Amino acid sequence: MDRYVTDIKNGCYQNPVLPMDFSDPDAIRVGEDYYLISSSFTYLPGVPVLHSKDLVHWERIGNCVERLPFDRYAQPAHGCGTWAPALRYHAGRFYAFIPLPDEGIFYTEATDPAGPWSALHCVKSASGWIDPCPLWDDDGSVYMAHAFAKSRCGIKHKIQLSRLDPETLEVVEDGPIVFDGTLSQPTAEGPKMYKRNGLYYIFIPAGGVEYGWQTVLRARNVYGPYEEKIVMHQGASSINGPHQGAWVTAPDGSDWFLHFQDRFELGRVVHLQPMCWHSDWPFIGLEQNGDGIGEPVTEWDCPKGEAGPGLQIGDSFTNGKPGLQWQWQANPQPEAWLRPVAGDALHLVCGASGSLWRQPNVLSQMLPAADFTANVTLGLAGCGAGAKVGLSVMGQKYSAIELCRTAHGCTVQLVQGMVKDLAPTGDAEETILAEKMVDTDEITVTMKITAAKQVQYALLAADGTAVLLGGAQPVAKATWTGARLALYARGGTKGDAACIKQLNITF
């Protein structure tokens, strides 16, 4: 299977509409088209851009950020990089406001959401400013709401409103704290600003990623005072922590809300909720227990619009290039990491022989589901002793099946990695759990991930039989993300390049 397409039953979509780790989503509609972006931390190119015609079927069309303009991102900096962004359209241009929690707030702009996007422009150099969202007001003024990362600046639960220069979009006045949720809305963050019927709204998630809720602030003056109201929570539903996302209005006038749910090892998956307005307050989801607060739905009537082709997950590596779903673990250097060779296969230049956690040229994508099988062909033709190529499930506890060239031939190894230091530059310790000699330098391997959060690796024999290698390994989340499906090459002699052919994913 090359693409994932959201399931439709009897005219109803099934949540999550994006069962992948599109964390901290924001979305807008321009004409008949919807666009969504999400955070991506130090997986690059980053801040992916998705397109849809119906809010249910999405296709990845590009990325807002090709690379980050700081030397530290030449190496993995787990948990840093691009946090929760905001997407807006103003005067014929798309704007993505993107926070880097250690460096500040930036924006990039484009006339076409598929790109190219401009280089990052600095809005405010600051440590701990996160989750920015701009608002172009009717009088030409521009404002930006943002939250704070306690880990960087010691502040939490608060939303600040800054005034921006309308031309440069740089902060000209830090502005006041317009909301302090310390007592009533702890972990207030992720603000998204809107204006409706002369009222200013700031949608904020609160209560924390795993078990929080969606709150909305409302005021007649942009600087407040703001009233607060919880408009969606888990309630009696099975959807934990439903919050942080985007309000969009369809061409027919219906309102919708896209938000994430933390699925832990799978990451933050995206749900679509019906939304309406009562007494100038939004109501999200469905009333199910009489408390007056919406609860998320598991299915609902599909919005009007055309179904798109879905998200690419498998890959034939056409013309030797990875698909849009793939990201490197640090600032990309494709000219150094990819060997241009004719044909539909990926030729990865072998990297350093250290741990996968610290290797910048690991190529990974989000897990496509809780239960799936992936097959891929790995080859080491022409590579020297010490060269390795593998398929991995990356996280703070990770595992991999890798083909290794030794002085005496080739072996297949099952490797386990344990991250010992969770700092952005921390390292992992790797252990070989199982090993098997093979009489070829090209093999097809398979892995199966189950809803039990386990992954089993195997070799595929010529008759299609799976020959298990070692026991099942745990699937674990990474830093601020779910686990990731990864391909890599490492070790060997300078210039060695491993060959990777045809990644197939089945459910």
Protein backbone atom coordinates (compact mmCIF):
# COMPACT_ATOMS: atom_id res chain seq x y z
CA MET A 1 0.00 0.00 0.00
CA ASP A 2 1.45 3.36 -1.06
CA ARG A 3 -1.15 5.65 0.53
CA TYR A 4 -3.35 5.86 3.58
CA VAL A 5 -6.96 6.93 2.94
CA THR A 6 -9.36 7.72 5.81
CA ASP A 7 -12.15 5.18 6.10
CA ILE A 8 -15.70 6.22 5.14
CA LYS A 9 -18.74 4.17 6.24
CA ASN A 10 -22.30 5.04 5.22
CA GLY A 11 -21.29 8.60 4.43
CA CYS A 12 -19.56 9.07 7.79
CA TYR A 13 -15.89 9.63 8.42
CA GLN A 14 -14.10 7.77 11.20
CA ASN A 15 -11.84 9.51 13.72
CA PRO A 16 -8.96 9.99 13.75
CA VAL A 17 -8.97 11.38 10.21
CA LEU A 18 -5.16 11.51 10.41
CA PRO A 19 -4.01 8.55 12.53
CA MET A 20 -0.42 9.78 12.37
CA ASP A 21 1.72 12.12 14.45
CA PHE A 22 0.72 15.49 12.98
CA SER A 23 1.26 17.13 16.35
CA ASP A 24 -0.23 20.53 17.28
CA PRO A 25 -2.22 20.98 14.05
CA ASP A 26 -3.42 24.30 12.71
CA ALA A 27 -5.57 24.67 9.61
CA ILE A 28 -7.25 27.24 7.39
CA ARG A 29 -9.53 27.33 4.36
CA VAL A 30 -8.71 29.40 1.27
CA GLY A 31 -11.48 29.22 -1.33
CA GLU A 32 -12.42 25.56 -1.75
CA ASP A 33 -9.17 24.27 -0.29
CA TYR A 34 -8.08 23.41 3.24
CA TYR A 35 -4.48 23.48 4.41
CA LEU A 36 -3.00 22.07 7.60
CA ILE A 37 0.44 22.37 9.19
CA SER A 38 1.93 20.77 12.29
CA SER A 39 5.00 20.78 14.48
CA SER A 40 7.94 18.52 13.61
CA PHE A 41 10.69 19.37 16.13
CA THR A 42 14.06 18.45 14.58
CA TYR A 43 12.71 16.11 11.92
CA LEU A 44 13.53 17.95 8.69
CA PRO A 45 12.35 19.17 6.23
CA GLY A 46 9.80 20.27 8.80
CA VAL A 47 6.43 21.83 9.51
CA PRO A 48 4.64 19.65 6.94
CA VAL A 49 1.90 21.15 4.75
CA LEU A 50 -1.20 19.06 4.01
CA HIS A 51 -4.03 19.78 1.58
CA SER A 52 -7.64 18.63 1.56
CA LYS A 53 -10.90 19.37 -0.22
CA ASP A 54 -13.16 17.91 2.48
CA LEU A 55 -11.27 18.06 5.83
CA VAL A 56 -11.20 14.24 5.90
CA HIS A 57 -8.89 13.12 3.10
CA TRP A 58 -5.48 14.77 3.29
CA GLU A 59 -2.41 14.78 1.06
CA ARG A 60 1.02 16.01 2.03
CA ILE A 61 2.14 18.66 -0.48
CA GLY A 62 5.28 20.19 1.02
CA ASN A 63 7.08 21.57 4.04
CA CYS A 64 7.38 25.11 5.41
CA VAL A 65 10.96 24.67 6.65
CA GLU A 66 13.73 23.01 4.67
CA ARG A 67 16.38 23.57 7.33
CA LEU A 68 16.87 25.51 10.55
CA PRO A 69 19.28 28.50 10.48
CA PHE A 70 21.33 27.52 13.53
CA ASP A 71 24.53 25.45 13.63
CA ARG A 72 23.28 23.22 16.45
CA TYR A 73 20.79 21.56 14.10
CA ALA A 74 23.55 19.97 12.03
CA GLN A 75 23.27 17.23 14.66
CA PRO A 76 20.16 15.74 16.29
CA ALA A 77 18.70 17.96 19.03
CA HIS A 78 15.81 15.79 20.16
CA GLY A 79 12.78 17.72 21.41
CA CYS A 80 13.99 21.09 20.14
CA GLY A 81 13.33 22.68 16.75
CA THR A 82 9.88 23.59 15.45
CA TRP A 83 7.10 23.47 18.05
CA ALA A 84 3.39 24.27 17.59
CA PRO A 85 3.00 26.55 14.53
CA ALA A 86 0.12 28.67 13.23
CA LEU A 87 -1.02 29.01 9.62
CA ARG A 88 -2.77 32.11 8.29
CA TYR A 89 -3.64 33.64 4.91
CA HIS A 90 -3.48 37.43 4.46
CA ALA A 91 -3.45 39.67 1.38
CA GLY A 92 -2.77 36.82 -1.03
CA ARG A 93 0.03 35.21 0.98
CA PHE A 94 0.31 32.26 3.33
CA TYR A 95 2.11 32.80 6.62
CA ALA A 96 3.40 30.13 9.00
CA PHE A 97 4.41 31.42 12.43
CA ILE A 98 6.83 28.93 13.97
CA PRO A 99 8.37 28.81 17.44
CA LEU A 100 11.82 27.48 18.27
CA PRO A 101 11.71 27.33 22.07
CA ASP A 102 15.41 28.07 22.49
CA GLU A 103 15.77 30.70 19.78
CA GLY A 104 12.51 32.62 19.42
CA ILE A 105 9.52 33.14 17.14
CA PHE A 106 9.91 33.10 13.35
CA TYR A 107 7.68 33.24 10.31
CA THR A 108 7.92 32.06 6.73
CA GLU A 109 5.67 33.05 3.83
CA ALA A 110 4.63 31.71 0.44
CA THR A 111 2.20 32.43 -2.38
CA ASP A 112 1.76 28.69 -2.96
CA PRO A 113 1.34 26.50 0.15
CA ALA A 114 3.18 23.69 -1.64
CA GLY A 115 6.21 26.01 -1.66
CA PRO A 116 8.69 27.37 -2.04
CA TRP A 117 8.50 29.03 1.38
CA SER A 118 10.76 31.92 2.29
CA ALA A 119 13.70 31.71 4.66
CA LEU A 120 12.71 32.09 8.30
CA HIS A 121 12.29 35.71 9.43
CA CYS A 122 12.75 36.50 13.12
CA VAL A 123 9.67 37.90 14.85
CA LYS A 124 11.22 37.90 18.33
CA SER A 125 14.48 36.50 19.69
CA ALA A 126 13.52 34.89 22.99
CA SER A 127 13.98 31.77 25.05
CA GLY A 128 10.73 30.14 26.12
CA TRP A 129 8.29 31.94 23.79
CA ILE A 130 6.19 29.25 22.11
CA ASP A 131 2.95 28.59 20.19
CA PRO A 132 2.56 31.91 18.34
CA CYS A 133 -0.54 32.91 16.40
CA PRO A 134 -0.99 36.22 14.51
CA LEU A 135 -4.18 38.21 13.97
CA TRP A 136 -4.52 40.92 11.32
CA ASP A 137 -7.19 43.24 12.73
CA ASP A 138 -9.70 45.29 10.75
CA ASP A 139 -7.82 48.55 11.36
CA GLY A 140 -4.52 47.20 9.98
CA SER A 141 -3.02 46.42 13.37
CA VAL A 142 -1.29 43.06 13.76
CA TYR A 143 -1.15 41.13 17.03
CA MET A 144 0.40 37.86 18.12
CA ALA A 145 -0.72 35.66 21.00
CA HIS A 146 1.79 33.20 22.40
CA ALA A 147 2.44 30.93 25.37
CA PHE A 148 5.54 30.10 27.41
CA ALA A 149 7.69 27.00 27.96
CA LYS A 150 8.45 26.67 31.65
CA SER A 151 11.48 24.51 30.85
CA ARG A 152 13.09 27.49 29.09
CA CYS A 153 11.89 30.60 30.94
CA GLY A 154 10.20 29.46 34.14
CA ILE A 155 6.74 30.71 33.05
CA LYS A 156 3.69 28.54 32.46
CA HIS A 157 -0.11 28.80 32.25
CA LYS A 158 0.00 32.30 30.72
CA ILE A 159 -0.92 33.85 27.36
CA GLN A 160 0.77 37.05 26.25
CA LEU A 161 -0.41 39.38 23.49
CA SER A 162 2.25 41.28 21.53
CA ARG A 163 1.87 43.95 18.87
CA LEU A 164 3.69 43.41 15.58
CA ASP A 165 4.96 45.84 12.99
CA PRO A 166 2.52 45.47 10.05
CA GLU A 167 5.37 45.63 7.53
CA THR A 168 8.14 43.54 9.12
CA LEU A 169 5.91 41.44 11.42
CA GLU A 170 8.52 41.87 14.14
CA VAL A 171 7.44 42.41 17.74
CA VAL A 172 7.37 46.14 18.53
CA GLU A 173 5.72 45.78 21.92
CA ASP A 174 5.76 42.67 24.10
CA GLY A 175 2.37 43.59 25.48
CA PRO A 176 0.45 42.34 28.51
CA ILE A 177 -0.37 38.91 29.86
CA VAL A 178 -3.99 38.71 28.75
CA PHE A 179 -4.74 35.42 30.49
CA ASP A 180 -3.32 33.62 33.52
CA GLY A 181 -4.66 30.09 33.84
CA THR A 182 -2.64 29.10 36.90
CA LEU A 183 -5.75 28.43 39.00
CA SER A 184 -8.52 27.68 36.50
CA GLN A 185 -6.78 26.52 33.28
CA PRO A 186 -3.36 25.03 34.15
CA THR A 187 -0.97 24.44 31.26
CA ALA A 188 -2.72 27.08 29.15
CA GLU A 189 -0.86 27.10 25.83
CA GLY A 190 -1.28 26.76 22.06
CA PRO A 191 -3.35 29.94 21.50
CA LYS A 192 -5.16 30.43 18.20
CA MET A 193 -6.64 33.89 17.59
CA TYR A 194 -9.84 34.70 15.68
CA LYS A 195 -12.31 37.56 15.37
CA ARG A 196 -16.05 37.01 14.91
CA ASN A 197 -18.97 39.43 15.19
CA GLY A 198 -16.70 42.07 16.69
CA LEU A 199 -15.48 39.73 19.43
CA TYR A 200 -11.91 38.51 19.88
CA TYR A 201 -11.42 34.81 20.56
CA ILE A 202 -8.35 32.93 21.72
CA PHE A 203 -8.75 29.16 21.55
CA ILE A 204 -6.37 27.53 24.05
CA PRO A 205 -5.73 23.93 25.07
CA ALA A 206 -5.38 23.48 28.82
CA GLY A 207 -4.79 20.73 31.33
CA GLY A 208 -1.83 19.13 29.57
CA VAL A 209 -1.28 17.06 26.45
CA GLU A 210 -2.38 13.67 27.76
CA TYR A 211 -5.60 14.47 29.60
CA GLY A 212 -6.45 18.12 28.93
CA TRP A 213 -9.40 19.92 27.40
CA GLN A 214 -10.26 22.75 25.00
CA THR A 215 -10.89 26.21 26.44
CA VAL A 216 -11.95 29.37 24.61
CA LEU A 217 -11.30 32.95 25.75
CA ARG A 218 -13.57 35.81 24.60
CA ALA A 219 -13.32 39.62 24.85
CA ARG A 220 -14.63 42.80 23.21
CA ASN A 221 -11.19 44.42 23.36
CA VAL A 222 -8.15 42.67 21.94
CA TYR A 223 -6.30 43.19 25.22
CA GLY A 224 -9.21 41.91 27.30
CA PRO A 225 -10.48 41.34 29.86
CA TYR A 226 -11.13 37.82 28.57
CA GLU A 227 -13.90 35.51 29.73
CA GLU A 228 -13.14 31.79 29.73
CA LYS A 229 -15.22 28.73 28.91
CA ILE A 230 -14.40 25.03 28.51
CA VAL A 231 -15.98 23.97 25.22
CA MET A 232 -14.79 20.36 24.81
CA HIS A 233 -13.40 17.68 27.10
CA GLN A 234 -13.07 13.91 27.22
CA GLY A 235 -16.15 13.41 29.37
CA ALA A 236 -17.45 9.87 29.02
CA SER A 237 -15.76 9.38 25.63
CA SER A 238 -12.67 7.26 24.99
CA ILE A 239 -10.74 10.19 23.47
CA ASN A 240 -8.19 11.41 25.99
CA GLY A 241 -6.97 15.01 26.00
CA PRO A 242 -9.02 16.35 23.07
CA HIS A 243 -7.60 19.82 22.42
CA GLN A 244 -5.23 22.13 20.52
CA GLY A 245 -6.16 22.69 16.95
CA ALA A 246 -8.03 24.86 14.51
CA TRP A 247 -11.49 26.24 13.82
CA VAL A 248 -12.38 26.28 10.13
CA THR A 249 -15.59 27.25 8.36
CA ALA A 250 -16.58 25.30 5.24
CA PRO A 251 -17.89 27.00 2.08
CA ASP A 252 -21.44 25.96 3.07
CA GLY A 253 -21.10 27.81 6.38
CA SER A 254 -20.69 24.74 8.60
CA ASP A 255 -18.04 24.96 11.31
CA TRP A 256 -15.45 22.33 12.19
CA PHE A 257 -12.62 21.86 14.64
CA LEU A 258 -9.43 19.87 14.05
CA HIS A 259 -7.54 18.79 17.17
CA PHE A 260 -5.08 16.19 18.34
CA GLN A 261 -5.29 13.24 20.70
CA ASP A 262 -2.11 11.95 22.34
CA ARG A 263 -1.81 8.26 21.47
CA PHE A 264 1.56 8.01 23.24
CA GLU A 265 3.68 5.60 21.14
CA LEU A 266 1.72 6.59 18.01
CA GLY A 267 2.11 10.30 18.72
CA ARG A 268 -0.55 12.99 18.46
CA VAL A 269 -3.18 11.92 15.94
CA VAL A 270 -5.72 14.33 14.41
CA HIS A 271 -9.50 14.23 14.90
CA LEU A 272 -12.22 16.25 13.18
CA GLN A 273 -15.17 17.51 15.24
CA PRO A 274 -18.43 19.21 14.28
CA MET A 275 -18.70 22.70 15.79
CA CYS A 276 -21.47 25.26 16.19
CA TRP A 277 -22.10 28.56 17.99
CA HIS A 278 -24.46 29.39 20.88
CA SER A 279 -24.67 32.89 22.37
CA ASP A 280 -21.38 33.77 20.69
CA TRP A 281 -19.56 30.80 22.27
CA PRO A 282 -18.33 27.84 20.23
CA PHE A 283 -19.54 24.34 21.07
CA ILE A 284 -17.31 21.50 19.86
CA GLY A 285 -18.25 17.85 19.53
CA LEU A 286 -21.43 16.30 20.90
CA GLU A 287 -23.26 16.76 24.20
CA GLN A 288 -23.40 13.29 25.75
CA ASN A 289 -23.67 13.53 29.53
CA GLY A 290 -25.66 16.65 30.32
CA ASP A 291 -22.81 18.82 31.58
CA GLY A 292 -23.11 21.34 28.75
CA ILE A 293 -19.60 20.63 27.47
CA GLY A 294 -18.96 18.96 24.14
CA GLU A 295 -17.32 15.56 23.88
CA PRO A 296 -15.42 14.27 20.85
CA VAL A 297 -17.20 12.08 18.33
CA THR A 298 -15.78 8.88 16.89
CA GLU A 299 -17.66 9.31 13.61
CA TRP A 300 -19.77 11.98 11.93
CA ASP A 301 -21.31 12.92 8.60
CA CYS A 302 -18.61 13.82 6.09
CA PRO A 303 -18.24 17.50 5.24
CA LYS A 304 -19.04 18.38 1.65
CA GLY A 305 -16.10 18.22 -0.74
CA GLU A 306 -14.01 15.96 -2.92
CA ALA A 307 -12.02 13.03 -1.54
CA GLY A 308 -8.30 13.34 -2.18
CA PRO A 309 -5.66 10.66 -2.83
CA GLY A 310 -4.56 10.23 0.78
CA LEU A 311 -1.18 10.33 2.51
CA GLN A 312 1.84 8.61 1.01
CA ILE A 313 3.24 5.95 3.36
CA GLY A 314 4.92 3.31 1.18
CA ASP A 315 7.67 4.29 -1.24
CA SER A 316 9.29 2.98 -4.41
CA PHE A 317 11.95 5.73 -4.18
CA THR A 318 11.29 6.92 -7.71
CA ASN A 319 14.46 8.25 -9.38
CA GLY A 320 16.39 7.56 -6.20
CA LYS A 321 14.54 10.11 -4.06
CA PRO A 322 12.53 9.65 -0.87
CA GLY A 323 8.88 10.72 -0.82
CA LEU A 324 7.56 13.74 1.05
CA GLN A 325 6.71 11.67 4.11
CA TRP A 326 10.40 11.19 4.98
CA GLN A 327 12.41 13.48 7.26
CA TRP A 328 16.02 13.52 8.39
CA GLN A 329 17.00 13.63 12.06
CA ALA A 330 18.88 16.94 11.63
CA ASN A 331 19.38 19.65 8.99
CA PRO A 332 19.32 17.82 5.64
CA GLN A 333 22.41 17.35 3.53
CA PRO A 334 20.93 15.35 0.65
CA GLU A 335 23.92 16.06 -1.58
CA ALA A 336 26.12 14.27 0.97
CA TRP A 337 23.71 11.62 2.21
CA LEU A 338 22.07 10.44 -1.03
CA ARG A 339 24.04 8.88 -3.90
CA PRO A 340 22.49 9.78 -7.28
CA VAL A 341 22.11 6.43 -9.07
CA ALA A 342 19.71 5.68 -11.90
CA GLY A 343 16.66 3.62 -11.06
CA ASP A 344 13.98 3.38 -8.40
CA ALA A 345 15.97 2.72 -5.26
CA LEU A 346 17.41 4.78 -2.43
CA HIS A 347 21.19 4.83 -2.14
CA LEU A 348 22.06 6.04 1.35
CA VAL A 349 25.63 7.01 2.05
CA CYS A 350 26.83 5.27 5.21
CA GLY A 351 27.13 7.60 8.16
CA ALA A 352 29.15 7.45 11.36
CA SER A 353 29.26 4.16 13.23
CA GLY A 354 27.78 5.58 16.46
CA SER A 355 24.25 5.15 17.78
CA LEU A 356 21.20 5.77 15.59
CA TRP A 357 19.96 8.31 18.15
CA ARG A 358 22.93 10.59 17.40
CA GLN A 359 23.14 9.99 13.66
CA PRO A 360 21.87 12.97 11.60
CA ASN A 361 21.26 11.04 8.37
CA VAL A 362 18.62 8.68 9.73
CA LEU A 363 15.60 8.96 7.44
CA SER A 364 12.27 8.45 9.19
CA GLN A 365 8.52 8.90 8.91
CA MET A 366 5.55 8.76 11.29
CA LEU A 367 4.04 5.38 12.10
CA PRO A 368 1.03 5.00 9.77
CA ALA A 369 -1.15 3.02 12.20
CA ALA A 370 -1.20 1.07 15.45
CA ASP A 371 -1.11 -2.26 13.59
CA PHE A 372 0.72 -2.72 10.30
CA THR A 373 3.46 -4.62 8.47
CA ALA A 374 6.38 -3.07 6.57
CA ASN A 375 8.66 -4.88 4.09
CA VAL A 376 11.79 -3.45 2.49
CA THR A 377 14.81 -4.76 0.58
CA LEU A 378 18.26 -3.86 1.94
CA GLY A 379 21.54 -4.24 0.05
CA LEU A 380 25.26 -3.73 0.67
CA ALA A 381 26.71 -4.49 -2.78
CA GLY A 382 30.07 -2.74 -3.15
CA CYS A 383 30.28 -1.75 0.53
CA GLY A 384 33.28 -2.52 2.72
CA ALA A 385 33.52 -4.32 6.03
CA GLY A 386 31.64 -2.57 8.81
CA ALA A 387 28.89 -1.17 6.55
CA LYS A 388 25.34 -1.60 7.84
CA VAL A 389 21.88 -0.83 6.48
CA GLY A 390 18.69 -1.24 8.43
CA LEU A 391 15.03 -0.77 9.20
CA SER A 392 14.19 0.60 12.64
CA VAL A 393 11.39 1.69 14.93
CA MET A 394 12.91 4.74 16.59
CA GLY A 395 12.02 6.08 20.03
CA GLN A 396 13.61 6.56 23.41
CA LYS A 397 13.83 2.78 23.43
CA TYR A 398 14.35 1.63 19.86
CA SER A 399 15.11 -1.48 17.84
CA ALA A 400 16.29 -2.31 14.35
CA ILE A 401 16.99 -5.15 11.95
CA GLU A 402 20.17 -4.47 10.01
CA LEU A 403 22.25 -6.15 7.33
CA CYS A 404 25.95 -5.99 8.22
CA ARG A 405 29.05 -6.55 6.12
CA THR A 406 31.85 -8.29 8.01
CA ALA A 407 35.27 -9.51 6.96
CA HIS A 408 33.74 -13.00 6.60
CA GLY A 409 30.50 -12.21 4.81
CA CYS A 410 27.15 -10.75 5.82
CA THR A 411 25.05 -11.14 8.93
CA VAL A 412 21.63 -9.91 9.97
CA GLN A 413 21.40 -8.43 13.45
CA LEU A 414 18.61 -7.45 15.80
CA VAL A 415 19.71 -4.30 17.62
CA GLN A 416 18.18 -2.62 20.65
CA GLY A 417 18.93 0.96 21.67
CA MET A 418 18.27 2.58 25.04
CA VAL A 419 18.48 6.37 25.35
CA LYS A 420 20.47 7.00 28.51
CA ASP A 421 20.34 10.80 28.54
CA LEU A 422 17.13 12.60 27.52
CA ALA A 423 18.89 15.94 27.01
CA PRO A 424 18.69 17.18 23.38
CA THR A 425 22.25 15.97 22.78
CA GLY A 426 22.00 12.83 24.93
CA ASP A 427 23.12 9.48 23.58
CA ALA A 428 21.87 5.90 23.51
CA GLU A 429 23.48 2.57 24.32
CA GLU A 430 23.00 -0.19 21.75
CA THR A 431 23.01 -3.96 22.24
CA ILE A 432 22.94 -6.80 19.70
CA LEU A 433 20.13 -9.16 20.76
CA ALA A 434 20.29 -11.70 17.92
CA GLU A 435 22.47 -12.44 14.89
CA LYS A 436 22.23 -14.72 11.85
CA MET A 437 24.67 -15.38 8.99
CA VAL A 438 23.32 -14.96 5.46
CA ASP A 439 24.88 -15.95 2.14
CA THR A 440 23.89 -12.79 0.26
CA ASP A 441 24.45 -9.06 0.44
CA GLU A 442 20.80 -8.24 -0.39
CA ILE A 443 17.87 -9.34 1.74
CA THR A 444 14.22 -8.46 2.24
CA VAL A 445 13.23 -7.82 5.84
CA THR A 446 9.88 -7.33 7.45
CA MET A 447 8.56 -5.94 10.69
CA LYS A 448 5.10 -6.14 12.18
CA ILE A 449 3.85 -3.63 14.73
CA THR A 450 0.81 -4.64 16.76
CA ALA A 451 -1.69 -2.74 18.88
CA ALA A 452 0.07 -4.37 21.84
CA LYS A 453 2.88 -1.87 21.17
CA GLN A 454 5.32 -4.55 20.12
CA VAL A 455 7.38 -4.97 16.95
CA GLN A 456 8.58 -8.29 15.57
CA TYR A 457 11.36 -8.36 12.97
CA ALA A 458 11.99 -11.13 10.44
CA LEU A 459 13.74 -12.02 7.19
CA LEU A 460 11.58 -12.93 4.20
CA ALA A 461 12.62 -16.16 2.50
CA ALA A 462 12.32 -16.62 -1.26
CA ASP A 463 8.96 -18.35 -0.82
CA GLY A 464 7.64 -15.45 1.27
CA THR A 465 8.01 -17.21 4.60
CA ALA A 466 8.96 -14.95 7.49
CA VAL A 467 11.97 -16.18 9.47
CA LEU A 468 11.80 -14.47 12.85
CA LEU A 469 14.88 -12.77 14.25
CA GLY A 470 14.82 -12.58 18.04
CA GLY A 471 11.78 -11.81 20.12
CA ALA A 472 9.26 -8.98 19.96
CA GLN A 473 10.57 -5.56 20.98
CA PRO A 474 8.72 -2.67 22.64
CA VAL A 475 7.54 0.35 20.66
CA ALA A 476 8.32 3.55 22.58
CA LYS A 477 7.70 7.21 21.95
CA ALA A 478 10.50 9.61 21.09
CA THR A 479 11.00 13.09 22.57
CA TRP A 480 7.67 14.95 22.12
CA THR A 481 6.75 12.60 19.26
CA GLY A 482 5.51 9.10 18.73
CA ALA A 483 7.77 6.30 17.57
CA ARG A 484 9.01 6.55 14.00
CA LEU A 485 9.68 4.14 11.15
CA ALA A 486 13.28 4.68 10.04
CA LEU A 487 15.77 3.69 7.37
CA TYR A 488 19.49 4.20 7.74
CA ALA A 489 23.01 3.26 6.63
CA ARG A 490 26.10 3.53 8.81
CA GLY A 491 29.68 2.36 9.30
CA GLY A 492 31.86 0.96 6.53
CA THR A 493 34.51 2.86 4.62
CA LYS A 494 34.25 6.43 3.38
CA GLY A 495 31.88 6.72 0.43
CA ASP A 496 30.07 3.43 0.96
CA ALA A 497 26.39 3.62 -0.01
CA ALA A 498 23.75 1.06 0.87
CA CYS A 499 20.80 0.30 -1.39
CA ILE A 500 17.18 0.35 -0.18
CA LYS A 501 14.37 -0.81 -2.46
CA GLN A 502 10.59 -0.66 -2.34
CA LEU A 503 9.09 -0.06 1.08
CA ASN A 504 5.68 -1.74 1.22
CA ILE A 505 3.22 -1.12 4.05
CA THR A 506 0.11 -3.22 4.61
CA PHE A 507 -2.63 -3.14 7.25
